[in-house]
C-alpha atoms as a PDB file:
ATOM      1  CA  MET A   1     -16.806 -14.272  39.136  1.00  0.00           C
ATOM      2  CA  SER A   2     -16.157 -18.348  39.672  1.00  0.00           C
ATOM      3  CA  SER A   3     -13.109 -18.939  41.739  1.00  0.00           C
ATOM      4  CA  ILE A   4     -10.859 -21.039  39.934  1.00  0.00           C
ATOM      5  CA  GLN A   5      -7.279 -21.988  41.268  1.00  0.00           C
ATOM      6  CA  ASN A   6      -4.810 -20.905  38.350  1.00  0.00           C
ATOM      7  CA  SER A   7      -1.496 -22.145  37.581  1.00  0.00           C
ATOM      8  CA  VAL A   8       0.729 -19.593  36.195  1.00  0.00           C
ATOM      9  CA  ASN A   9       0.289 -19.298  32.416  1.00  0.00           C
ATOM     10  CA  SER A  10       3.843 -18.870  31.127  1.00  0.00           C
ATOM     11  CA  LEU A  11       2.711 -16.762  28.181  1.00  0.00           C
ATOM     12  CA  PRO A  12       1.430 -12.975  28.951  1.00  0.00           C
ATOM     13  CA  ARG A  13      -2.181 -12.449  28.946  1.00  0.00           C
ATOM     14  CA  TRP A  14      -1.792 -10.749  25.691  1.00  0.00           C
ATOM     15  CA  ARG A  15      -5.050  -8.592  24.849  1.00  0.00           C
ATOM     16  CA  GLY A  16      -5.537  -7.272  21.417  1.00  0.00           C
ATOM     17  CA  PHE A  17      -6.845  -8.018  17.801  1.00  0.00           C
ATOM     18  CA  ASN A  18      -5.907  -9.632  14.360  1.00  0.00           C
ATOM     19  CA  VAL A  19      -4.871  -7.119  11.725  1.00  0.00           C
ATOM     20  CA  ILE A  20      -5.531  -9.202   8.740  1.00  0.00           C
ATOM     21  CA  GLU A  21      -4.789  -7.253   5.381  1.00  0.00           C
ATOM     22  CA  LEU A  22      -2.154 -10.248   4.330  1.00  0.00           C
ATOM     23  CA  PHE A  23      -4.044 -13.117   5.639  1.00  0.00           C
ATOM     24  CA  SER A  24      -5.502 -14.212   1.907  1.00  0.00           C
ATOM     25  CA  THR A  25      -4.525 -13.061  -1.541  1.00  0.00           C
ATOM     26  CA  TRP A  26      -8.378 -13.848  -2.544  1.00  0.00           C
ATOM     27  CA  GLU A  27     -10.013 -10.497  -3.306  1.00  0.00           C
ATOM     28  CA  GLY A  28     -13.400 -11.799  -2.351  1.00  0.00           C
ATOM     29  CA  TRP A  29     -12.735 -11.474   1.108  1.00  0.00           C
ATOM     30  CA  LYS A  30     -13.319  -7.497   0.460  1.00  0.00           C
ATOM     31  CA  LYS A  31     -17.112  -8.615   0.611  1.00  0.00           C
ATOM     32  CA  TYR A  32     -16.840  -8.922   4.204  1.00  0.00           C
ATOM     33  CA  PHE A  33     -13.877  -7.405   5.556  1.00  0.00           C
ATOM     34  CA  PRO A  34     -13.175  -3.589   5.298  1.00  0.00           C
ATOM     35  CA  TYR A  35      -9.506  -3.670   4.503  1.00  0.00           C
ATOM     36  CA  ALA A  36      -7.775  -0.603   5.140  1.00  0.00           C
ATOM     37  CA  SER A  37      -5.683  -1.260   2.130  1.00  0.00           C
ATOM     38  CA  TRP A  38      -5.018  -4.303   0.153  1.00  0.00           C
ATOM     39  CA  ALA A  39      -1.779  -6.144   0.862  1.00  0.00           C
ATOM     40  CA  ALA A  40      -0.504  -3.633   3.045  1.00  0.00           C
ATOM     41  CA  LEU A  41      -0.879  -3.299   6.775  1.00  0.00           C
ATOM     42  CA  PRO A  42      -1.896  -0.173   8.026  1.00  0.00           C
ATOM     43  CA  GLU A  43      -0.155   1.749  10.585  1.00  0.00           C
ATOM     44  CA  GLU A  44      -3.222   3.532  11.981  1.00  0.00           C
ATOM     45  CA  ASP A  45      -4.815  -0.009  13.267  1.00  0.00           C
ATOM     46  CA  PHE A  46      -1.596  -0.647  15.397  1.00  0.00           C
ATOM     47  CA  ALA A  47      -1.590   3.214  16.812  1.00  0.00           C
ATOM     48  CA  LEU A  48      -5.319   2.772  17.494  1.00  0.00           C
ATOM     49  CA  ILE A  49      -5.221  -0.078  19.295  1.00  0.00           C
ATOM     50  CA  SER A  50      -2.599   1.043  21.467  1.00  0.00           C
ATOM     51  CA  GLU A  51      -4.264   4.306  22.190  1.00  0.00           C
ATOM     52  CA  LEU A  52      -7.474   2.153  23.093  1.00  0.00           C
ATOM     53  CA  GLY A  53      -5.273   0.242  25.798  1.00  0.00           C
ATOM     54  CA  PHE A  54      -4.582  -2.902  24.031  1.00  0.00           C
ATOM     55  CA  ASN A  55      -1.157  -4.421  24.060  1.00  0.00           C
ATOM     56  CA  PHE A  56      -1.163  -7.325  21.058  1.00  0.00           C
ATOM     57  CA  VAL A  57      -1.537  -7.734  17.124  1.00  0.00           C
ATOM     58  CA  ARG A  58      -1.633 -10.930  15.542  1.00  0.00           C
ATOM     59  CA  VAL A  59      -0.608 -11.015  11.556  1.00  0.00           C
ATOM     60  CA  PRO A  60      -1.989 -13.711   9.920  1.00  0.00           C
ATOM     61  CA  MET A  61      -0.209 -13.774   6.291  1.00  0.00           C
ATOM     62  CA  SER A  62      -0.703 -16.180   3.377  1.00  0.00           C
ATOM     63  CA  TYR A  63       2.934 -17.144   1.581  1.00  0.00           C
ATOM     64  CA  LEU A  64       1.703 -16.291  -1.713  1.00  0.00           C
ATOM     65  CA  PHE A  65       2.147 -12.481  -1.368  1.00  0.00           C
ATOM     66  CA  TRP A  66       5.826 -13.014  -1.176  1.00  0.00           C
ATOM     67  CA  THR A  67       5.946 -16.611  -2.765  1.00  0.00           C
ATOM     68  CA  GLY A  68       5.416 -17.423  -6.430  1.00  0.00           C
ATOM     69  CA  ARG A  69       4.139 -20.701  -7.499  1.00  0.00           C
ATOM     70  CA  ASP A  70       7.454 -21.591  -8.797  1.00  0.00           C
ATOM     71  CA  GLY A  71       8.898 -21.124  -5.328  1.00  0.00           C
ATOM     72  CA  LYS A  72      10.738 -17.960  -6.091  1.00  0.00           C
ATOM     73  CA  ILE A  73      10.805 -15.403  -3.101  1.00  0.00           C
ATOM     74  CA  ASP A  74      10.091 -11.625  -3.551  1.00  0.00           C
ATOM     75  CA  GLU A  75      12.212 -10.616  -0.579  1.00  0.00           C
ATOM     76  CA  SER A  76      10.880  -6.794  -1.413  1.00  0.00           C
ATOM     77  CA  PHE A  77       7.430  -7.570   0.165  1.00  0.00           C
ATOM     78  CA  PHE A  78       9.064  -8.442   3.344  1.00  0.00           C
ATOM     79  CA  GLU A  79       9.356  -4.622   4.147  1.00  0.00           C
ATOM     80  CA  GLN A  80       5.671  -4.763   4.856  1.00  0.00           C
ATOM     81  CA  ILE A  81       6.194  -7.457   7.650  1.00  0.00           C
ATOM     82  CA  ASP A  82       9.166  -5.328   8.841  1.00  0.00           C
ATOM     83  CA  HIS A  83       6.698  -2.201   9.583  1.00  0.00           C
ATOM     84  CA  ALA A  84       4.323  -4.739  11.620  1.00  0.00           C
ATOM     85  CA  VAL A  85       7.530  -5.473  13.606  1.00  0.00           C
ATOM     86  CA  ASP A  86       8.235  -1.559  13.715  1.00  0.00           C
ATOM     87  CA  TRP A  87       5.303  -0.668  14.633  1.00  0.00           C
ATOM     88  CA  GLY A  88       4.773  -2.953  17.406  1.00  0.00           C
ATOM     89  CA  GLU A  89       8.014  -1.222  19.231  1.00  0.00           C
ATOM     90  CA  LYS A  90       6.532   2.095  18.377  1.00  0.00           C
ATOM     91  CA  TYR A  91       2.941   1.337  19.871  1.00  0.00           C
ATOM     92  CA  ASN A  92       4.158  -0.651  22.704  1.00  0.00           C
ATOM     93  CA  LEU A  93       2.467  -3.906  21.274  1.00  0.00           C
ATOM     94  CA  HIS A  94       3.562  -7.363  21.014  1.00  0.00           C
ATOM     95  CA  VAL A  95       3.519  -8.488  17.383  1.00  0.00           C
ATOM     96  CA  SER A  96       2.700 -12.348  16.550  1.00  0.00           C
ATOM     97  CA  LEU A  97       3.581 -13.160  12.797  1.00  0.00           C
ATOM     98  CA  ASN A  98       1.530 -15.896  11.914  1.00  0.00           C
ATOM     99  CA  LEU A  99       1.276 -18.285   8.580  1.00  0.00           C
ATOM    100  CA  HIS A 100      -2.229 -18.661   7.623  1.00  0.00           C
ATOM    101  CA  ARG A 101      -1.696 -20.308   4.621  1.00  0.00           C
ATOM    102  CA  VAL A 102       1.483 -22.241   3.389  1.00  0.00           C
ATOM    103  CA  HIS A 103       2.198 -24.475   0.331  1.00  0.00           C
ATOM    104  CA  GLY A 104       0.128 -27.696   0.912  1.00  0.00           C
ATOM    105  CA  TYR A 105      -2.503 -26.254   3.410  1.00  0.00           C
ATOM    106  CA  CYS A 106      -4.833 -23.556   4.522  1.00  0.00           C
ATOM    107  CA  ILE A 107      -8.159 -23.925   6.659  1.00  0.00           C
ATOM    108  CA  ASN A 108     -10.102 -21.879   4.288  1.00  0.00           C
ATOM    109  CA  ASP A 109     -10.941 -23.302   0.837  1.00  0.00           C
ATOM    110  CA  ASP A 110     -10.745 -19.343  -0.885  1.00  0.00           C
ATOM    111  CA  LEU A 111      -8.340 -20.173  -3.338  1.00  0.00           C
ATOM    112  CA  PRO A 112      -7.958 -23.518  -5.294  1.00  0.00           C
ATOM    113  CA  THR A 113      -5.915 -26.289  -3.531  1.00  0.00           C
ATOM    114  CA  ASP A 114      -2.304 -26.571  -4.670  1.00  0.00           C
ATOM    115  CA  GLY A 115      -2.634 -30.334  -4.882  1.00  0.00           C
ATOM    116  CA  VAL A 116       0.057 -30.815  -2.018  1.00  0.00           C
ATOM    117  CA  ASN A 117      -0.315 -32.440   1.197  1.00  0.00           C
ATOM    118  CA  LEU A 118       1.652 -30.725   3.566  1.00  0.00           C
ATOM    119  CA  TRP A 119       1.376 -33.449   6.109  1.00  0.00           C
ATOM    120  CA  LYS A 120       2.696 -35.973   4.099  1.00  0.00           C
ATOM    121  CA  ASP A 121       4.971 -34.271   1.239  1.00  0.00           C
ATOM    122  CA  LYS A 122       8.555 -33.971   2.438  1.00  0.00           C
ATOM    123  CA  ASP A 123       9.394 -31.129   0.163  1.00  0.00           C
ATOM    124  CA  ALA A 124       6.600 -28.740   1.452  1.00  0.00           C
ATOM    125  CA  MET A 125       7.593 -29.583   5.198  1.00  0.00           C
ATOM    126  CA  GLU A 126      11.137 -28.404   4.122  1.00  0.00           C
ATOM    127  CA  GLU A 127       9.620 -25.599   2.687  1.00  0.00           C
ATOM    128  CA  PHE A 128       7.603 -24.586   5.460  1.00  0.00           C
ATOM    129  CA  ALA A 129      10.447 -24.611   7.949  1.00  0.00           C
ATOM    130  CA  ALA A 130      12.315 -22.750   5.246  1.00  0.00           C
ATOM    131  CA  GLN A 131       9.960 -19.846   5.286  1.00  0.00           C
ATOM    132  CA  TRP A 132      10.091 -19.596   8.993  1.00  0.00           C
ATOM    133  CA  ALA A 133      14.425 -19.645   8.745  1.00  0.00           C
ATOM    134  CA  ARG A 134      13.724 -16.538   6.801  1.00  0.00           C
ATOM    135  CA  PHE A 135      12.095 -14.965   9.498  1.00  0.00           C
ATOM    136  CA  ALA A 136      14.221 -15.944  12.047  1.00  0.00           C
ATOM    137  CA  LYS A 137      16.990 -14.526  10.254  1.00  0.00           C
ATOM    138  CA  ARG A 138      15.313 -11.242   9.596  1.00  0.00           C
ATOM    139  CA  TYR A 139      14.170 -10.565  12.710  1.00  0.00           C
ATOM    140  CA  LYS A 140      16.919 -11.966  15.216  1.00  0.00           C
ATOM    141  CA  GLY A 141      17.820  -9.606  17.701  1.00  0.00           C
ATOM    142  CA  VAL A 142      14.097  -8.211  18.009  1.00  0.00           C
ATOM    143  CA  SER A 143      12.991  -8.898  21.811  1.00  0.00           C
ATOM    144  CA  PRO A 144      10.754 -11.895  22.205  1.00  0.00           C
ATOM    145  CA  GLN A 145       8.904  -9.566  24.255  1.00  0.00           C
ATOM    146  CA  ARG A 146       8.120  -7.776  21.229  1.00  0.00           C
ATOM    147  CA  LEU A 147       7.928 -10.888  18.620  1.00  0.00           C
ATOM    148  CA  SER A 148       6.655 -14.314  18.399  1.00  0.00           C
ATOM    149  CA  PHE A 149       6.052 -16.605  15.622  1.00  0.00           C
ATOM    150  CA  ASP A 150       2.737 -18.536  15.581  1.00  0.00           C
ATOM    151  CA  LEU A 151       3.634 -21.207  13.071  1.00  0.00           C
ATOM    152  CA  LEU A 152       0.643 -22.439  11.210  1.00  0.00           C
ATOM    153  CA  ASN A 153      -2.881 -21.215  11.626  1.00  0.00           C
ATOM    154  CA  GLU A 154      -5.256 -23.893  12.586  1.00  0.00           C
ATOM    155  CA  PRO A 155      -4.312 -27.208  11.648  1.00  0.00           C
ATOM    156  CA  PRO A 156      -7.008 -29.527  10.399  1.00  0.00           C
ATOM    157  CA  TYR A 157      -9.184 -32.443  11.865  1.00  0.00           C
ATOM    158  CA  GLU A 158      -7.351 -35.614  11.972  1.00  0.00           C
ATOM    159  CA  GLU A 159      -8.492 -37.584   8.789  1.00  0.00           C
ATOM    160  CA  ALA A 160      -7.071 -41.206   8.076  1.00  0.00           C
ATOM    161  CA  GLY A 161      -4.592 -41.277   5.556  1.00  0.00           C
ATOM    162  CA  VAL A 162      -4.753 -37.222   5.136  1.00  0.00           C
ATOM    163  CA  VAL A 163      -3.301 -36.101   8.655  1.00  0.00           C
ATOM    164  CA  CYS A 164      -2.792 -36.939  12.135  1.00  0.00           C
ATOM    165  CA  MET A 165      -1.689 -35.430  15.201  1.00  0.00           C
ATOM    166  CA  GLN A 166       1.858 -37.095  14.951  1.00  0.00           C
ATOM    167  CA  ASP A 167       2.115 -35.331  11.360  1.00  0.00           C
ATOM    168  CA  TYR A 168       1.216 -31.955  13.225  1.00  0.00           C
ATOM    169  CA  GLU A 169       3.711 -32.479  15.794  1.00  0.00           C
ATOM    170  CA  GLU A 170       6.651 -33.595  13.368  1.00  0.00           C
ATOM    171  CA  LEU A 171       5.974 -30.425  11.308  1.00  0.00           C
ATOM    172  CA  ILE A 172       6.146 -28.317  14.363  1.00  0.00           C
ATOM    173  CA  ARG A 173       8.867 -29.733  15.689  1.00  0.00           C
ATOM    174  CA  LYS A 174      11.015 -29.722  12.744  1.00  0.00           C
ATOM    175  CA  ALA A 175       9.998 -25.822  12.207  1.00  0.00           C
ATOM    176  CA  TYR A 176      10.843 -25.209  16.066  1.00  0.00           C
ATOM    177  CA  GLN A 177      14.351 -26.928  15.439  1.00  0.00           C
ATOM    178  CA  THR A 178      14.790 -24.572  12.649  1.00  0.00           C
ATOM    179  CA  ILE A 179      13.974 -21.340  14.071  1.00  0.00           C
ATOM    180  CA  SER A 180      15.821 -22.266  17.501  1.00  0.00           C
ATOM    181  CA  GLU A 181      19.163 -23.024  15.375  1.00  0.00           C
ATOM    182  CA  ILE A 182      18.830 -19.611  14.139  1.00  0.00           C
ATOM    183  CA  ASP A 183      17.516 -17.558  16.972  1.00  0.00           C
ATOM    184  CA  GLY A 184      17.060 -19.330  20.290  1.00  0.00           C
ATOM    185  CA  GLU A 185      15.468 -16.584  21.645  1.00  0.00           C
ATOM    186  CA  ARG A 186      12.414 -16.235  19.836  1.00  0.00           C
ATOM    187  CA  LEU A 187       9.144 -17.126  21.128  1.00  0.00           C
ATOM    188  CA  VAL A 188       7.337 -19.908  19.011  1.00  0.00           C
ATOM    189  CA  ILE A 189       3.599 -20.603  19.391  1.00  0.00           C
ATOM    190  CA  ALA A 190       1.546 -23.449  17.839  1.00  0.00           C
ATOM    191  CA  ASP A 191      -2.309 -23.320  17.173  1.00  0.00           C
ATOM    192  CA  GLY A 192      -3.970 -26.289  18.541  1.00  0.00           C
ATOM    193  CA  MET A 193      -5.065 -29.296  16.183  1.00  0.00           C
ATOM    194  CA  TYR A 194      -8.883 -29.409  14.971  1.00  0.00           C
ATOM    195  CA  ALA A 195      -8.757 -25.707  13.754  1.00  0.00           C
ATOM    196  CA  GLY A 196      -7.131 -24.839  16.951  1.00  0.00           C
ATOM    197  CA  GLU A 197      -9.665 -26.422  19.387  1.00  0.00           C
ATOM    198  CA  ARG A 198      -7.343 -29.123  20.806  1.00  0.00           C
ATOM    199  CA  PRO A 199      -4.318 -28.472  22.701  1.00  0.00           C
ATOM    200  CA  CYS A 200      -1.176 -30.608  21.511  1.00  0.00           C
ATOM    201  CA  PHE A 201       0.009 -32.398  24.907  1.00  0.00           C
ATOM    202  CA  GLY A 202       2.537 -34.199  22.462  1.00  0.00           C
ATOM    203  CA  LEU A 203       4.299 -31.186  22.159  1.00  0.00           C
ATOM    204  CA  ALA A 204       4.127 -30.193  25.879  1.00  0.00           C
ATOM    205  CA  ASP A 205       8.018 -31.314  26.110  1.00  0.00           C
ATOM    206  CA  LEU A 206       8.846 -28.333  23.733  1.00  0.00           C
ATOM    207  CA  PRO A 207       9.464 -24.685  25.076  1.00  0.00           C
ATOM    208  CA  VAL A 208       6.552 -23.562  22.641  1.00  0.00           C
ATOM    209  CA  GLY A 209       3.272 -21.699  23.497  1.00  0.00           C
ATOM    210  CA  GLN A 210       0.028 -22.862  22.299  1.00  0.00           C
ATOM    211  CA  SER A 211      -2.842 -21.075  20.749  1.00  0.00           C
ATOM    212  CA  CYS A 212      -6.721 -21.850  21.153  1.00  0.00           C
ATOM    213  CA  ARG A 213      -9.693 -20.537  19.726  1.00  0.00           C
ATOM    214  CA  GLY A 214     -12.834 -18.060  20.689  1.00  0.00           C
ATOM    215  CA  TYR A 215     -15.353 -19.180  18.250  1.00  0.00           C
ATOM    216  CA  ALA A 216     -17.550 -22.049  20.005  1.00  0.00           C
ATOM    217  CA  PRO A 217     -20.182 -22.598  19.369  1.00  0.00           C
ATOM    218  CA  ARG A 218     -20.299 -21.680  15.766  1.00  0.00           C
ATOM    219  CA  ALA A 219     -24.117 -21.478  16.099  1.00  0.00           C
ATOM    220  CA  VAL A 220     -23.880 -18.079  18.012  1.00  0.00           C
ATOM    221  CA  THR A 221     -20.186 -17.081  16.324  1.00  0.00           C
ATOM    222  CA  HIS A 222     -21.002 -17.247  12.724  1.00  0.00           C
ATOM    223  CA  TYR A 223     -24.829 -16.973  12.332  1.00  0.00           C
ATOM    224  CA  LEU A 224     -25.168 -16.138   8.563  1.00  0.00           C
ATOM    225  CA  ALA A 225     -21.291 -16.126   7.895  1.00  0.00           C
ATOM    226  CA  GLU A 226     -21.402 -17.171   4.211  1.00  0.00           C
ATOM    227  CA  TRP A 227     -18.161 -18.542   4.105  1.00  0.00           C
ATOM    228  CA  SER A 228     -18.687 -20.600   7.007  1.00  0.00           C
ATOM    229  CA  GLY A 229     -21.740 -22.907   6.140  1.00  0.00           C
ATOM    230  CA  SER A 230     -23.947 -20.189   7.294  1.00  0.00           C
ATOM    231  CA  PRO A 231     -25.542 -21.034  10.162  1.00  0.00           C
ATOM    232  CA  SER A 232     -29.102 -19.796   9.772  1.00  0.00           C
ATOM    233  CA  GLN A 233     -31.169 -20.300  12.929  1.00  0.00           C
ATOM    234  CA  THR A 234     -31.412 -17.392  15.140  1.00  0.00           C
ATOM    235  CA  PRO A 235     -29.011 -17.676  18.098  1.00  0.00           C
ATOM    236  CA  ILE A 236     -29.616 -17.346  21.647  1.00  0.00           C
ATOM    237  CA  TRP A 237     -27.586 -17.390  24.453  1.00  0.00           C
ATOM    238  CA  PRO A 238     -27.208 -19.111  26.942  1.00  0.00           C
ATOM    239  CA  ASP A 239     -28.535 -22.392  26.269  1.00  0.00           C
ATOM    240  CA  VAL A 240     -28.115 -22.475  22.588  1.00  0.00           C
ATOM    241  CA  LYS A 241     -28.364 -25.976  21.225  1.00  0.00           C
ATOM    242  CA  GLU A 242     -25.720 -27.055  18.678  1.00  0.00           C
ATOM    243  CA  GLY A 243     -25.315 -30.687  17.455  1.00  0.00           C
ATOM    244  CA  ASN A 244     -26.075 -32.582  20.735  1.00  0.00           C
ATOM    245  CA  ASP A 245     -24.509 -30.085  22.877  1.00  0.00           C
ATOM    246  CA  VAL A 246     -26.092 -27.135  24.899  1.00  0.00           C
ATOM    247  CA  TRP A 247     -23.817 -24.448  25.275  1.00  0.00           C
ATOM    248  CA  ASN A 248     -23.594 -21.756  28.001  1.00  0.00           C
ATOM    249  CA  LYS A 249     -20.957 -20.574  30.455  1.00  0.00           C
ATOM    250  CA  GLU A 250     -20.702 -23.888  31.822  1.00  0.00           C
ATOM    251  CA  LYS A 251     -20.237 -25.510  28.717  1.00  0.00           C
ATOM    252  CA  LEU A 252     -17.527 -22.791  28.150  1.00  0.00           C
ATOM    253  CA  ARG A 253     -15.725 -23.670  31.137  1.00  0.00           C
ATOM    254  CA  GLU A 254     -15.878 -27.582  30.120  1.00  0.00           C
ATOM    255  CA  TYR A 255     -14.821 -26.668  26.207  1.00  0.00           C
ATOM    256  CA  TYR A 256     -11.517 -24.987  27.759  1.00  0.00           C
ATOM    257  CA  LYS A 257     -10.658 -27.249  30.547  1.00  0.00           C
ATOM    258  CA  PRO A 258      -8.181 -29.167  28.488  1.00  0.00           C
ATOM    259  CA  TRP A 259      -6.304 -25.667  27.771  1.00  0.00           C
ATOM    260  CA  LYS A 260      -6.363 -25.132  31.676  1.00  0.00           C
ATOM    261  CA  GLN A 261      -4.835 -28.656  32.054  1.00  0.00           C
ATOM    262  CA  LEU A 262      -2.045 -27.804  29.450  1.00  0.00           C
ATOM    263  CA  ILE A 263      -1.011 -24.495  31.155  1.00  0.00           C
ATOM    264  CA  ASP A 264      -0.951 -26.739  34.318  1.00  0.00           C
ATOM    265  CA  SER A 265       1.592 -28.812  32.463  1.00  0.00           C
ATOM    266  CA  GLY A 266       3.902 -25.810  32.192  1.00  0.00           C
ATOM    267  CA  VAL A 267       2.870 -24.772  28.946  1.00  0.00           C
ATOM    268  CA  GLY A 268       1.587 -21.368  27.969  1.00  0.00           C
ATOM    269  CA  VAL A 269      -1.605 -20.689  26.294  1.00  0.00           C
ATOM    270  CA  HIS A 270      -3.106 -17.760  24.552  1.00  0.00           C
ATOM    271  CA  CYS A 271      -6.339 -17.548  22.391  1.00  0.00           C
ATOM    272  CA  GLY A 272      -5.012 -16.443  19.114  1.00  0.00           C
ATOM    273  CA  GLU A 273      -8.731 -15.809  17.613  1.00  0.00           C
ATOM    274  CA  ALA A 274     -11.998 -15.112  18.696  1.00  0.00           C
ATOM    275  CA  GLY A 275     -15.132 -13.215  18.277  1.00  0.00           C
ATOM    276  CA  THR A 276     -18.504 -13.382  16.664  1.00  0.00           C
ATOM    277  CA  PHE A 277     -19.735 -12.239  13.096  1.00  0.00           C
ATOM    278  CA  CYS A 278     -21.791  -8.945  13.152  1.00  0.00           C
ATOM    279  CA  LYS A 279     -24.942 -10.775  11.883  1.00  0.00           C
ATOM    280  CA  THR A 280     -25.483 -12.261  15.347  1.00  0.00           C
ATOM    281  CA  PRO A 281     -27.866 -10.028  17.138  1.00  0.00           C
ATOM    282  CA  TYR A 282     -26.387  -7.893  19.982  1.00  0.00           C
ATOM    283  CA  PRO A 283     -27.879  -9.061  22.860  1.00  0.00           C
ATOM    284  CA  VAL A 284     -26.675 -12.421  22.141  1.00  0.00           C
ATOM    285  CA  PHE A 285     -23.398 -11.715  20.838  1.00  0.00           C
ATOM    286  CA  TYR A 286     -22.777  -9.430  23.919  1.00  0.00           C
ATOM    287  CA  SER A 287     -23.747 -11.884  26.496  1.00  0.00           C
ATOM    288  CA  TRP A 288     -21.666 -14.901  24.632  1.00  0.00           C
ATOM    289  CA  LEU A 289     -18.654 -12.489  24.587  1.00  0.00           C
ATOM    290  CA  GLU A 290     -19.126 -11.636  28.133  1.00  0.00           C
ATOM    291  CA  ASP A 291     -19.062 -15.401  29.349  1.00  0.00           C
ATOM    292  CA  LEU A 292     -16.083 -16.073  26.919  1.00  0.00           C
ATOM    293  CA  LEU A 293     -13.975 -13.456  28.453  1.00  0.00           C
ATOM    294  CA  GLU A 294     -15.258 -14.581  31.678  1.00  0.00           C
ATOM    295  CA  VAL A 295     -13.972 -17.978  31.216  1.00  0.00           C
ATOM    296  CA  LEU A 296     -10.598 -16.996  29.629  1.00  0.00           C
ATOM    297  CA  SER A 297     -10.085 -14.499  32.621  1.00  0.00           C
ATOM    298  CA  GLU A 298     -10.665 -17.654  35.068  1.00  0.00           C
ATOM    299  CA  TYR A 299      -8.032 -19.688  33.204  1.00  0.00           C
ATOM    300  CA  ASP A 300      -5.345 -16.558  32.780  1.00  0.00           C
ATOM    301  CA  ILE A 301      -5.612 -16.652  28.991  1.00  0.00           C
ATOM    302  CA  GLY A 302      -5.444 -13.500  26.673  1.00  0.00           C
ATOM    303  CA  TYR A 303      -7.209 -13.140  23.734  1.00  0.00           C
ATOM    304  CA  ALA A 304      -7.144 -11.768  20.100  1.00  0.00           C
ATOM    305  CA  LEU A 305     -10.431 -10.931  18.301  1.00  0.00           C
ATOM    306  CA  TRP A 306     -10.368 -11.683  14.724  1.00  0.00           C
ATOM    307  CA  ASN A 307     -10.838  -8.184  13.326  1.00  0.00           C
ATOM    308  CA  PHE A 308     -10.132  -4.996  14.903  1.00  0.00           C
ATOM    309  CA  ARG A 309     -11.918  -2.973  11.940  1.00  0.00           C
ATOM    310  CA  GLY A 310     -14.603  -5.337  10.350  1.00  0.00           C
ATOM    311  CA  PRO A 311     -17.377  -7.314  11.405  1.00  0.00           C
ATOM    312  CA  PHE A 312     -15.667  -9.314  14.565  1.00  0.00           C
ATOM    313  CA  GLY A 313     -14.012  -6.226  15.619  1.00  0.00           C
ATOM    314  CA  ILE A 314     -15.027  -2.891  17.589  1.00  0.00           C
ATOM    315  CA  ILE A 315     -14.713  -0.331  14.935  1.00  0.00           C
ATOM    316  CA  ASP A 316     -16.711  -0.221  11.745  1.00  0.00           C
ATOM    317  CA  SER A 317     -17.968  -3.351  12.208  1.00  0.00           C
ATOM    318  CA  GLY A 318     -21.460  -3.237  10.790  1.00  0.00           C
ATOM    319  CA  ARG A 319     -23.664  -3.870  13.541  1.00  0.00           C
ATOM    320  CA  THR A 320     -27.190  -2.724  12.467  1.00  0.00           C
ATOM    321  CA  ASP A 321     -27.749  -3.102  16.116  1.00  0.00           C
ATOM    322  CA  ALA A 322     -25.123  -2.033  17.880  1.00  0.00           C
ATOM    323  CA  VAL A 323     -24.948   2.023  19.126  1.00  0.00           C
ATOM    324  CA  TYR A 324     -21.718   3.493  17.715  1.00  0.00           C
ATOM    325  CA  LYS A 325     -19.539   6.493  18.878  1.00  0.00           C
ATOM    326  CA  GLU A 326     -17.516   8.510  16.024  1.00  0.00           C
ATOM    327  CA  TRP A 327     -14.065   8.384  16.977  1.00  0.00           C
ATOM    328  CA  ARG A 328     -10.742   9.027  14.744  1.00  0.00           C
ATOM    329  CA  GLY A 329     -12.899   9.111  11.913  1.00  0.00           C
ATOM    330  CA  HIS A 330     -14.519   5.407  12.751  1.00  0.00           C
ATOM    331  CA  GLN A 331     -17.527   3.868  14.406  1.00  0.00           C
ATOM    332  CA  LEU A 332     -16.364   2.735  17.660  1.00  0.00           C
ATOM    333  CA  ASP A 333     -18.575   0.204  19.614  1.00  0.00           C
ATOM    334  CA  THR A 334     -18.100   1.795  22.990  1.00  0.00           C
ATOM    335  CA  ARG A 335     -20.012  -1.049  25.007  1.00  0.00           C
ATOM    336  CA  MET A 336     -18.188  -3.413  23.367  1.00  0.00           C
ATOM    337  CA  LEU A 337     -14.685  -1.660  24.325  1.00  0.00           C
ATOM    338  CA  GLU A 338     -15.969  -1.265  27.895  1.00  0.00           C
ATOM    339  CA  LEU A 339     -16.319  -5.086  27.910  1.00  0.00           C
ATOM    340  CA  LEU A 340     -13.122  -6.013  26.665  1.00  0.00           C
ATOM    341  CA  ASN A 341     -11.556  -3.405  28.767  1.00  0.00           C
ATOM    342  CA  ARG A 342     -12.845  -5.366  31.906  1.00  0.00           C
ATOM    343  CA  TYR A 343     -10.942  -8.370  30.992  1.00  0.00           C
END
């Protein structure tokens, strides 16, 4: 392993998974992801994640599960989210709540646009802050060691007249201020701009962590993923070419170097999503994941794979070239588990 002098990452080096049953109201995702249940988080996943030695669960959520198109809030739905917080305590897991879709923005185009630009619409920005105010009030008093708020999933690439870095920073500052006025102890995290690829140095003055991604290069991680443009050339690793770049372990080190610089400035960093879709050949997937985990470890950055169960995960992943072990009624990729546990 390369020897890199690390500054202290002010975020813990959490290791875990996303539990995704609430990330979208579009039922078409069932084609790709084996949900335990629809619109309900499975306690079993929290229990199994803990049993396997991990300590982190990220819960991406669509506001449409509890917010009507008229803006009316279904307060009863929050019981589902209460379960996640309670199970975090029960199974000794840190739970990070994330808004994956909000009024005016989502990284995915799985549902028709609502015609609102979050970055320019003041009412939408107010609604965004109000969503987090509800959670701040509801979970005030829950230890920040147990619960964090990851404000917005994967803000977009900058686009003239649509969104710029300053727009995103303004949104985060307003939401952070709203939360901290209610619960000054709550741990808050902001995803990097450009779909989590670039750190926001303009937010470094806030006591807010930041979240990167582990999907580069997509020629490897999203091979034959229909929702992502379906890269179709069979990938290799290392030295796969994507655009003008050749990707290998050294390229990964270069890719994450700005995040290391953010850590050096005193900002905590965690990789909130990572992984490879199940169609990537196993030797390629495994070699890439090993290099990714080594680089993240060198920079003292923890990780959460996009799935626990499902095509990015370690159980029921549907890889035709993996060797599985029957475990707790699921197909467990023990080789992948051993690799994750090394980092």
